[in-house]
Amino acid sequence: ADMTHLQAGLSPETIEKARLELNENPDILHQDIQQVRDMIITRPDIGFLRTDDAFILRFLRARKFHQTEAFRLLAQYFQYRQLNLDMFKNFKADDPGIKRALTDGFPGVLENRDHCGRKILLLFAANWDQSRNSFIDILRAILLSLEVLIEDQELQINGFILIIDWSNFSFKQASKLTPSILKLAIEGLQDSFPARFGGVHFVNQPWYIHALYTLIKPFLKDKTRKRIFLHGNNLNSLHQLIHPECLPSEFGGTLPPYDMGTWARTLLGPDYSDENEYTHTSYNAMHVKHAASNLEREASPKPMKRSQSVVEAGTLKHEDPGENENTQPLLALD
């Protein structure tokens, strides 16, 4: 068990969870990693820019230690970056496009995890100001955020939850979501990133988002499809899956409303609203995990223009599940 350093810092519970859910065995971690590494020669067309143990391990975890699947994901991770070079050319928090997206709350990241130890990411769709942020920059900001978060081994094992609030998202905004850019997002998140997504929750989606979802369904793996829940305005079905004590008030939770600058301050440092250059540049130079809470205390929250709060709008009152035939998740978990 010379492998224990690769699991350093994990709680005994998490190590046990990794054994039960992911088939992770500390005694043969080295062999598993080496077998994935040995497959690299089969893809001379791809530049594997990082092949250290800790890096390969996250791909094994994301694919439950199926070595060929883990290798396929590792290959796609680098291939996606090779095919979309412009997206990754200045892939740091202070890139102007990424910085604007982060500052506007794309994505939001809650400080506390849910009851399964998963990190909760939030997207308030109506805040997308299309004159300020391209969809690509929002996608880049999400991928960069995941890149920083996935450094945390607990999250490699427990995974992520994504909640998208579509309240007040206009038809005009939706018309910018073309199938080709949605496909780019699905490829980047579903097929090319070493994270476990425990659920993607749509809240308050209008009919045209439902229609878009039907359109992109063919690009989704069955496994992904099973994890997408369309709650409409029924918060009870959301709360059955994510406890209210883990959620901000916008989602009927007991936490205060989400402050859009929280995650941007964590990534950019307390002076994130200044337009000058930053010292934190690339994500591997950053150690944001412990710094977060102090930064949040020092930095005064920047008021964020938020589309009229959903709670005020009254769309998120606890509805009787019978009131809306579209409230049941279309898909149940396996």
Foldseek 3Di string as FASTA:
>chain_A
DVQVVLVPPPDPVLVVLCCVPQVDDSVCLVVLLVVLVVCVVVCPVFDQPDRDSNVLVLLSLLVSSPSVNSSQLSRLQRVLCVVPVVLCVQLWCLPQQLVQLLQLCLWPWALAAFPLRATEIEAEQQSDDCVRHPPSSSLSNVLQVVVLVVVDVSQSNRFHEYEYECPPPDPVNVVSPDLVVVLSSCCNPVRHDSTHYQAYEYEQDDVVVVVVCVVNVVSDDPQHLQRYFYQNLALVQVCVPTPLCRDDVLSPHPRHDGQSNLVSCLRQPQVSVDSDDGPRIHSVVDDSSVVRVVSVVPHDGDHHDDDPRNVVVVSNDNDDVVPDVRRGTPHHHD
